[in-house]
Amino acid sequence: KRAWQDEKVVLGTSSYSIEPKPIQRPHPPFF
């Protein structure tokens, strides 16, 4: 949920933007 938003996410000691971002917002539907 966090990775598919525009904000960066913390991984280890750094922050990264997970790319790409999905077309469906806020994310593809969860089943």
PDB file of all heavy atoms in Angstrom:
ATOM      1  N   LYS A   1       0.832  -1.207   0.000  1.00  0.00           N
ATOM      2  CA  LYS A   1       0.000   0.000   0.000  1.00  0.00           C
ATOM      3  C   LYS A   1       0.865   1.254   0.000  1.00  0.00           C
ATOM      4  O   LYS A   1       0.555   2.230  -0.692  1.00  0.00           O
ATOM      5  CB  LYS A   1      -0.921   0.006   1.225  1.00  0.00           C
ATOM      6  CG  LYS A   1      -2.021  -1.043   1.194  1.00  0.00           C
ATOM      7  CD  LYS A   1      -2.822  -0.952   2.484  1.00  0.00           C
ATOM      8  CE  LYS A   1      -3.833  -2.062   2.609  1.00  0.00           C
ATOM      9  NZ  LYS A   1      -4.579  -1.987   3.889  1.00  0.00           N
ATOM     10  N   ARG A   2       1.947   1.231   0.789  1.00  0.00           N
ATOM     11  CA  ARG A   2       2.840   2.390   0.836  1.00  0.00           C
ATOM     12  C   ARG A   2       3.670   2.501  -0.438  1.00  0.00           C
ATOM     13  O   ARG A   2       3.859   3.586  -0.982  1.00  0.00           O
ATOM     14  CB  ARG A   2       3.763   2.303   2.050  1.00  0.00           C
ATOM     15  CG  ARG A   2       3.053   2.311   3.390  1.00  0.00           C
ATOM     16  CD  ARG A   2       4.022   2.567   4.531  1.00  0.00           C
ATOM     17  NE  ARG A   2       5.175   1.680   4.516  1.00  0.00           N
ATOM     18  CZ  ARG A   2       5.213   0.472   5.091  1.00  0.00           C
ATOM     19  NH1 ARG A   2       4.132   0.004   5.721  1.00  0.00           N
ATOM     20  NH2 ARG A   2       6.296  -0.260   5.048  1.00  0.00           N
ATOM     21  N   ALA A   3       4.168   1.363  -0.904  1.00  0.00           N
ATOM     22  CA  ALA A   3       5.057   1.374  -2.067  1.00  0.00           C
ATOM     23  C   ALA A   3       4.365   1.891  -3.319  1.00  0.00           C
ATOM     24  O   ALA A   3       5.014   2.489  -4.190  1.00  0.00           O
ATOM     25  CB  ALA A   3       5.594  -0.041  -2.318  1.00  0.00           C
ATOM     26  N   TRP A   4       3.065   1.666  -3.423  1.00  0.00           N
ATOM     27  CA  TRP A   4       2.329   2.060  -4.626  1.00  0.00           C
ATOM     28  C   TRP A   4       1.820   3.497  -4.569  1.00  0.00           C
ATOM     29  O   TRP A   4       1.141   3.945  -5.483  1.00  0.00           O
ATOM     30  CB  TRP A   4       1.194   1.075  -4.872  1.00  0.00           C
ATOM     31  CG  TRP A   4       1.683  -0.247  -5.399  1.00  0.00           C
ATOM     32  CD1 TRP A   4       2.812  -0.469  -6.115  1.00  0.00           C
ATOM     33  CD2 TRP A   4       1.054  -1.529  -5.247  1.00  0.00           C
ATOM     34  NE1 TRP A   4       2.937  -1.805  -6.427  1.00  0.00           N
ATOM     35  CE2 TRP A   4       1.869  -2.484  -5.905  1.00  0.00           C
ATOM     36  CE3 TRP A   4      -0.117  -1.970  -4.619  1.00  0.00           C
ATOM     37  CZ2 TRP A   4       1.554  -3.839  -5.957  1.00  0.00           C
ATOM     38  CZ3 TRP A   4      -0.431  -3.319  -4.670  1.00  0.00           C
ATOM     39  CH2 TRP A   4       0.386  -4.235  -5.337  1.00  0.00           C
ATOM     40  N   GLN A   5       2.135   4.207  -3.498  1.00  0.00           N
ATOM     41  CA  GLN A   5       1.828   5.631  -3.430  1.00  0.00           C
ATOM     42  C   GLN A   5       3.046   6.440  -3.880  1.00  0.00           C
ATOM     43  O   GLN A   5       4.108   5.885  -4.156  1.00  0.00           O
ATOM     44  CB  GLN A   5       1.413   6.011  -2.010  1.00  0.00           C
ATOM     45  CG  GLN A   5       0.194   5.233  -1.512  1.00  0.00           C
ATOM     46  CD  GLN A   5      -0.950   5.218  -2.514  1.00  0.00           C
ATOM     47  OE1 GLN A   5      -1.419   6.282  -2.924  1.00  0.00           O
ATOM     48  NE2 GLN A   5      -1.377   4.029  -2.931  1.00  0.00           N
ATOM     49  N   ASP A   6       2.897   7.743  -3.961  1.00  0.00           N
ATOM     50  CA  ASP A   6       3.954   8.589  -4.514  1.00  0.00           C
ATOM     51  C   ASP A   6       5.118   8.812  -3.550  1.00  0.00           C
ATOM     52  O   ASP A   6       6.218   9.161  -3.975  1.00  0.00           O
ATOM     53  CB  ASP A   6       3.372   9.946  -4.942  1.00  0.00           C
ATOM     54  CG  ASP A   6       2.406   9.801  -6.113  1.00  0.00           C
ATOM     55  OD1 ASP A   6       2.596   8.861  -6.920  1.00  0.00           O
ATOM     56  OD2 ASP A   6       1.466  10.614  -6.212  1.00  0.00           O
ATOM     57  N   GLU A   7       4.880   8.614  -2.256  1.00  0.00           N
ATOM     58  CA  GLU A   7       5.927   8.859  -1.292  1.00  0.00           C
ATOM     59  C   GLU A   7       6.981   7.747  -1.312  1.00  0.00           C
ATOM     60  O   GLU A   7       6.692   6.605  -1.688  1.00  0.00           O
ATOM     61  CB  GLU A   7       5.345   8.969   0.123  1.00  0.00           C
ATOM     62  CG  GLU A   7       4.438  10.169   0.338  1.00  0.00           C
ATOM     63  CD  GLU A   7       3.061   9.987  -0.280  1.00  0.00           C
ATOM     64  OE1 GLU A   7       2.721   8.824  -0.605  1.00  0.00           O
ATOM     65  OE2 GLU A   7       2.351  10.985  -0.450  1.00  0.00           O
ATOM     66  N   LYS A   8       8.172   8.088  -0.877  1.00  0.00           N
ATOM     67  CA  LYS A   8       9.227   7.086  -0.759  1.00  0.00           C
ATOM     68  C   LYS A   8       8.969   6.189   0.454  1.00  0.00           C
ATOM     69  O   LYS A   8       8.253   6.561   1.382  1.00  0.00           O
ATOM     70  CB  LYS A   8      10.591   7.778  -0.606  1.00  0.00           C
ATOM     71  CG  LYS A   8      11.049   8.518  -1.858  1.00  0.00           C
ATOM     72  CD  LYS A   8      12.431   9.118  -1.644  1.00  0.00           C
ATOM     73  CE  LYS A   8      12.918   9.814  -2.909  1.00  0.00           C
ATOM     74  NZ  LYS A   8      14.290  10.387  -2.729  1.00  0.00           N
ATOM     75  N   VAL A   9       9.562   5.002   0.418  1.00  0.00           N
ATOM     76  CA  VAL A   9       9.452   4.073   1.542  1.00  0.00           C
ATOM     77  C   VAL A   9      10.854   3.796   2.078  1.00  0.00           C
ATOM     78  O   VAL A   9      11.845   3.809   1.337  1.00  0.00           O
ATOM     79  CB  VAL A   9       8.765   2.753   1.148  1.00  0.00           C
ATOM     80  CG1 VAL A   9       7.339   3.007   0.734  1.00  0.00           C
ATOM     81  CG2 VAL A   9       9.526   2.049   0.027  1.00  0.00           C
ATOM     82  N   VAL A  10      10.940   3.547   3.364  1.00  0.00           N
ATOM     83  CA  VAL A  10      12.223   3.281   4.010  1.00  0.00           C
ATOM     84  C   VAL A  10      12.573   1.809   3.841  1.00  0.00           C
ATOM     85  O   VAL A  10      11.785   0.918   4.172  1.00  0.00           O
ATOM     86  CB  VAL A  10      12.170   3.647   5.506  1.00  0.00           C
ATOM     87  CG1 VAL A  10      13.493   3.273   6.186  1.00  0.00           C
ATOM     88  CG2 VAL A  10      11.871   5.125   5.677  1.00  0.00           C
ATOM     89  N   LEU A  11      13.767   1.565   3.317  1.00  0.00           N
ATOM     90  CA  LEU A  11      14.300   0.214   3.180  1.00  0.00           C
ATOM     91  C   LEU A  11      15.721   0.235   3.742  1.00  0.00           C
ATOM     92  O   LEU A  11      16.610   0.857   3.147  1.00  0.00           O
ATOM     93  CB  LEU A  11      14.306  -0.226   1.719  1.00  0.00           C
ATOM     94  CG  LEU A  11      12.942  -0.348   1.034  1.00  0.00           C
ATOM     95  CD1 LEU A  11      13.101  -0.549  -0.460  1.00  0.00           C
ATOM     96  CD2 LEU A  11      12.148  -1.500   1.638  1.00  0.00           C
ATOM     97  N   GLY A  12      15.906  -0.408   4.874  1.00  0.00           N
ATOM     98  CA  GLY A  12      17.210  -0.359   5.514  1.00  0.00           C
ATOM     99  C   GLY A  12      17.483   1.040   6.048  1.00  0.00           C
ATOM    100  O   GLY A  12      16.695   1.598   6.807  1.00  0.00           O
ATOM    101  N   THR A  13      18.587   1.619   5.607  1.00  0.00           N
ATOM    102  CA  THR A  13      18.974   2.941   6.091  1.00  0.00           C
ATOM    103  C   THR A  13      18.653   4.056   5.105  1.00  0.00           C
ATOM    104  O   THR A  13      19.002   5.217   5.347  1.00  0.00           O
ATOM    105  CB  THR A  13      20.487   2.967   6.382  1.00  0.00           C
ATOM    106  OG1 THR A  13      21.205   2.659   5.166  1.00  0.00           O
ATOM    107  CG2 THR A  13      20.851   1.959   7.463  1.00  0.00           C
ATOM    108  N   SER A  14      17.982   3.711   3.998  1.00  0.00           N
ATOM    109  CA  SER A  14      17.679   4.713   2.974  1.00  0.00           C
ATOM    110  C   SER A  14      16.208   4.675   2.594  1.00  0.00           C
ATOM    111  O   SER A  14      15.479   3.728   2.935  1.00  0.00           O
ATOM    112  CB  SER A  14      18.541   4.484   1.727  1.00  0.00           C
ATOM    113  OG  SER A  14      19.912   4.545   2.033  1.00  0.00           O
ATOM    114  N   SER A  15      15.767   5.706   1.873  1.00  0.00           N
ATOM    115  CA  SER A  15      14.397   5.775   1.376  1.00  0.00           C
ATOM    116  C   SER A  15      14.413   5.680  -0.150  1.00  0.00           C
ATOM    117  O   SER A  15      15.296   6.251  -0.807  1.00  0.00           O
ATOM    118  CB  SER A  15      13.745   7.092   1.806  1.00  0.00           C
ATOM    119  OG  SER A  15      13.632   7.146   3.209  1.00  0.00           O
ATOM    120  N   TYR A  16      13.432   4.983  -0.687  1.00  0.00           N
ATOM    121  CA  TYR A  16      13.385   4.762  -2.129  1.00  0.00           C
ATOM    122  C   TYR A  16      11.964   4.941  -2.640  1.00  0.00           C
ATOM    123  O   TYR A  16      10.988   4.679  -1.927  1.00  0.00           O
ATOM    124  CB  TYR A  16      13.843   3.342  -2.481  1.00  0.00           C
ATOM    125  CG  TYR A  16      15.234   3.001  -2.020  1.00  0.00           C
ATOM    126  CD1 TYR A  16      15.449   2.413  -0.768  1.00  0.00           C
ATOM    127  CD2 TYR A  16      16.332   3.260  -2.821  1.00  0.00           C
ATOM    128  CE1 TYR A  16      16.728   2.083  -0.343  1.00  0.00           C
ATOM    129  CE2 TYR A  16      17.624   2.933  -2.410  1.00  0.00           C
ATOM    130  CZ  TYR A  16      17.812   2.355  -1.173  1.00  0.00           C
ATOM    131  OH  TYR A  16      19.068   2.040  -0.749  1.00  0.00           O
ATOM    132  N   SER A  17      11.847   5.327  -3.896  1.00  0.00           N
ATOM    133  CA  SER A  17      10.570   5.324  -4.591  1.00  0.00           C
ATOM    134  C   SER A  17      10.472   4.018  -5.375  1.00  0.00           C
ATOM    135  O   SER A  17      11.309   3.735  -6.232  1.00  0.00           O
ATOM    136  CB  SER A  17      10.469   6.517  -5.545  1.00  0.00           C
ATOM    137  OG  SER A  17       9.238   6.469  -6.250  1.00  0.00           O
ATOM    138  N   ILE A  18       9.479   3.215  -5.040  1.00  0.00           N
ATOM    139  CA  ILE A  18       9.276   1.946  -5.733  1.00  0.00           C
ATOM    140  C   ILE A  18       8.594   2.245  -7.065  1.00  0.00           C
ATOM    141  O   ILE A  18       7.517   2.845  -7.099  1.00  0.00           O
ATOM    142  CB  ILE A  18       8.428   0.982  -4.891  1.00  0.00           C
ATOM    143  CG1 ILE A  18       9.042   0.811  -3.501  1.00  0.00           C
ATOM    144  CG2 ILE A  18       8.277  -0.349  -5.593  1.00  0.00           C
ATOM    145  CD1 ILE A  18      10.412   0.215  -3.470  1.00  0.00           C
ATOM    146  N   GLU A  19       9.194   1.821  -8.152  1.00  0.00           N
ATOM    147  CA  GLU A  19       8.669   2.116  -9.480  1.00  0.00           C
ATOM    148  C   GLU A  19       8.426   0.826 -10.251  1.00  0.00           C
ATOM    149  O   GLU A  19       9.118  -0.174 -10.026  1.00  0.00           O
ATOM    150  CB  GLU A  19       9.657   2.994 -10.260  1.00  0.00           C
ATOM    151  CG  GLU A  19       9.922   4.351  -9.623  1.00  0.00           C
ATOM    152  CD  GLU A  19       8.724   5.283  -9.659  1.00  0.00           C
ATOM    153  OE1 GLU A  19       7.836   5.054 -10.507  1.00  0.00           O
ATOM    154  OE2 GLU A  19       8.681   6.224  -8.846  1.00  0.00           O
ATOM    155  N   PRO A  20       7.449   0.873 -11.191  1.00  0.00           N
ATOM    156  CA  PRO A  20       6.549   2.000 -11.479  1.00  0.00           C
ATOM    157  C   PRO A  20       5.412   2.073 -10.469  1.00  0.00           C
ATOM    158  O   PRO A  20       5.292   1.196  -9.604  1.00  0.00           O
ATOM    159  CB  PRO A  20       6.014   1.648 -12.862  1.00  0.00           C
ATOM    160  CG  PRO A  20       5.965   0.147 -12.861  1.00  0.00           C
ATOM    161  CD  PRO A  20       7.175  -0.291 -12.061  1.00  0.00           C
ATOM    162  N   LYS A  21       4.589   3.101 -10.605  1.00  0.00           N
ATOM    163  CA  LYS A  21       3.369   3.208  -9.819  1.00  0.00           C
ATOM    164  C   LYS A  21       2.218   2.637 -10.645  1.00  0.00           C
ATOM    165  O   LYS A  21       2.162   2.840 -11.853  1.00  0.00           O
ATOM    166  CB  LYS A  21       3.073   4.663  -9.458  1.00  0.00           C
ATOM    167  CG  LYS A  21       4.195   5.358  -8.710  1.00  0.00           C
ATOM    168  CD  LYS A  21       4.546   4.678  -7.393  1.00  0.00           C
ATOM    169  CE  LYS A  21       5.648   5.444  -6.657  1.00  0.00           C
ATOM    170  NZ  LYS A  21       6.084   4.725  -5.426  1.00  0.00           N
ATOM    171  N   PRO A  22       1.307   1.917 -10.001  1.00  0.00           N
ATOM    172  CA  PRO A  22       0.207   1.317 -10.770  1.00  0.00           C
ATOM    173  C   PRO A  22      -0.749   2.359 -11.328  1.00  0.00           C
ATOM    174  O   PRO A  22      -0.867   3.469 -10.805  1.00  0.00           O
ATOM    175  CB  PRO A  22      -0.485   0.417  -9.750  1.00  0.00           C
ATOM    176  CG  PRO A  22      -0.145   1.009  -8.419  1.00  0.00           C
ATOM    177  CD  PRO A  22       1.221   1.600  -8.561  1.00  0.00           C
ATOM    178  N   ILE A  23      -1.438   1.969 -12.394  1.00  0.00           N
ATOM    179  CA  ILE A  23      -2.475   2.816 -12.985  1.00  0.00           C
ATOM    180  C   ILE A  23      -3.660   2.945 -12.038  1.00  0.00           C
ATOM    181  O   ILE A  23      -4.196   4.032 -11.829  1.00  0.00           O
ATOM    182  CB  ILE A  23      -2.945   2.220 -14.323  1.00  0.00           C
ATOM    183  CG1 ILE A  23      -1.823   2.309 -15.373  1.00  0.00           C
ATOM    184  CG2 ILE A  23      -4.215   2.902 -14.825  1.00  0.00           C
ATOM    185  CD1 ILE A  23      -1.542   3.693 -15.865  1.00  0.00           C
ATOM    186  N   GLN A  24      -4.106   1.822 -11.479  1.00  0.00           N
ATOM    187  CA  GLN A  24      -5.277   1.833 -10.594  1.00  0.00           C
ATOM    188  C   GLN A  24      -4.887   2.475  -9.256  1.00  0.00           C
ATOM    189  O   GLN A  24      -3.876   2.120  -8.671  1.00  0.00           O
ATOM    190  CB  GLN A  24      -5.792   0.413 -10.380  1.00  0.00           C
ATOM    191  CG  GLN A  24      -6.250  -0.253 -11.673  1.00  0.00           C
ATOM    192  CD  GLN A  24      -6.722  -1.675 -11.440  1.00  0.00           C
ATOM    193  OE1 GLN A  24      -7.889  -1.917 -11.151  1.00  0.00           O
ATOM    194  NE2 GLN A  24      -5.815  -2.632 -11.583  1.00  0.00           N
ATOM    195  N   ARG A  25      -5.714   3.392  -8.817  1.00  0.00           N
ATOM    196  CA  ARG A  25      -5.427   4.121  -7.598  1.00  0.00           C
ATOM    197  C   ARG A  25      -6.519   3.898  -6.563  1.00  0.00           C
ATOM    198  O   ARG A  25      -7.690   3.831  -6.938  1.00  0.00           O
ATOM    199  CB  ARG A  25      -5.294   5.622  -7.901  1.00  0.00           C
ATOM    200  CG  ARG A  25      -4.288   5.943  -8.975  1.00  0.00           C
ATOM    201  CD  ARG A  25      -2.892   5.480  -8.668  1.00  0.00           C
ATOM    202  NE  ARG A  25      -2.154   6.461  -7.872  1.00  0.00           N
ATOM    203  CZ  ARG A  25      -0.945   6.237  -7.355  1.00  0.00           C
ATOM    204  NH1 ARG A  25      -0.361   5.076  -7.529  1.00  0.00           N
ATOM    205  NH2 ARG A  25      -0.343   7.177  -6.663  1.00  0.00           N
ATOM    206  N   PRO A  26      -6.164   3.732  -5.297  1.00  0.00           N
ATOM    207  CA  PRO A  26      -4.810   3.853  -4.773  1.00  0.00           C
ATOM    208  C   PRO A  26      -3.898   2.671  -5.088  1.00  0.00           C
ATOM    209  O   PRO A  26      -2.689   2.762  -4.947  1.00  0.00           O
ATOM    210  CB  PRO A  26      -5.033   3.973  -3.269  1.00  0.00           C
ATOM    211  CG  PRO A  26      -6.304   3.220  -3.037  1.00  0.00           C
ATOM    212  CD  PRO A  26      -7.161   3.500  -4.235  1.00  0.00           C
ATOM    213  N   HIS A  27      -4.491   1.567  -5.528  1.00  0.00           N
ATOM    214  CA  HIS A  27      -3.697   0.395  -5.903  1.00  0.00           C
ATOM    215  C   HIS A  27      -4.630  -0.602  -6.584  1.00  0.00           C
ATOM    216  O   HIS A  27      -5.868  -0.483  -6.496  1.00  0.00           O
ATOM    217  CB  HIS A  27      -3.039  -0.237  -4.668  1.00  0.00           C
ATOM    218  CG  HIS A  27      -3.992  -0.524  -3.540  1.00  0.00           C
ATOM    219  ND1 HIS A  27      -4.937  -1.531  -3.583  1.00  0.00           N
ATOM    220  CD2 HIS A  27      -4.164   0.078  -2.332  1.00  0.00           C
ATOM    221  CE1 HIS A  27      -5.630  -1.547  -2.457  1.00  0.00           C
ATOM    222  NE2 HIS A  27      -5.173  -0.574  -1.673  1.00  0.00           N
ATOM    223  N   PRO A  28      -4.095  -1.610  -7.278  1.00  0.00           N
ATOM    224  CA  PRO A  28      -4.957  -2.666  -7.820  1.00  0.00           C
ATOM    225  C   PRO A  28      -5.785  -3.296  -6.703  1.00  0.00           C
ATOM    226  O   PRO A  28      -5.330  -3.390  -5.556  1.00  0.00           O
ATOM    227  CB  PRO A  28      -3.955  -3.669  -8.403  1.00  0.00           C
ATOM    228  CG  PRO A  28      -2.749  -2.847  -8.718  1.00  0.00           C
ATOM    229  CD  PRO A  28      -2.679  -1.817  -7.625  1.00  0.00           C
ATOM    230  N   PRO A  29      -7.015  -3.702  -6.994  1.00  0.00           N
ATOM    231  CA  PRO A  29      -7.884  -4.245  -5.944  1.00  0.00           C
ATOM    232  C   PRO A  29      -7.313  -5.506  -5.317  1.00  0.00           C
ATOM    233  O   PRO A  29      -6.771  -6.359  -6.006  1.00  0.00           O
ATOM    234  CB  PRO A  29      -9.203  -4.523  -6.675  1.00  0.00           C
ATOM    235  CG  PRO A  29      -8.833  -4.603  -8.117  1.00  0.00           C
ATOM    236  CD  PRO A  29      -7.674  -3.689  -8.313  1.00  0.00           C
ATOM    237  N   PHE A  30      -7.458  -5.611  -3.999  1.00  0.00           N
ATOM    238  CA  PHE A  30      -6.977  -6.762  -3.245  1.00  0.00           C
ATOM    239  C   PHE A  30      -8.120  -7.784  -3.121  1.00  0.00           C
ATOM    240  O   PHE A  30      -9.222  -7.455  -2.681  1.00  0.00           O
ATOM    241  CB  PHE A  30      -6.547  -6.359  -1.836  1.00  0.00           C
ATOM    242  CG  PHE A  30      -5.255  -5.590  -1.761  1.00  0.00           C
ATOM    243  CD1 PHE A  30      -4.585  -5.174  -2.898  1.00  0.00           C
ATOM    244  CD2 PHE A  30      -4.706  -5.281  -0.522  1.00  0.00           C
ATOM    245  CE1 PHE A  30      -3.404  -4.469  -2.818  1.00  0.00           C
ATOM    246  CE2 PHE A  30      -3.520  -4.571  -0.425  1.00  0.00           C
ATOM    247  CZ  PHE A  30      -2.862  -4.162  -1.571  1.00  0.00           C
ATOM    248  N   PHE A  31      -7.821  -9.034  -3.469  1.00  0.00           N
ATOM    249  CA  PHE A  31      -8.738 -10.151  -3.263  1.00  0.00           C
ATOM    250  C   PHE A  31      -8.029 -11.149  -2.353  1.00  0.00           C
ATOM    251  O   PHE A  31      -6.899 -11.552  -2.633  1.00  0.00           O
ATOM    252  CB  PHE A  31      -9.096 -10.812  -4.594  1.00  0.00           C
ATOM    253  CG  PHE A  31      -9.920  -9.931  -5.495  1.00  0.00           C
ATOM    254  CD1 PHE A  31      -9.315  -8.968  -6.290  1.00  0.00           C
ATOM    255  CD2 PHE A  31     -11.299 -10.068  -5.558  1.00  0.00           C
ATOM    256  CE1 PHE A  31     -10.060  -8.148  -7.117  1.00  0.00           C
ATOM    257  CE2 PHE A  31     -12.057  -9.252  -6.390  1.00  0.00           C
ATOM    258  CZ  PHE A  31     -11.441  -8.293  -7.170  1.00  0.00           C
TER     259      PHE A  31
END
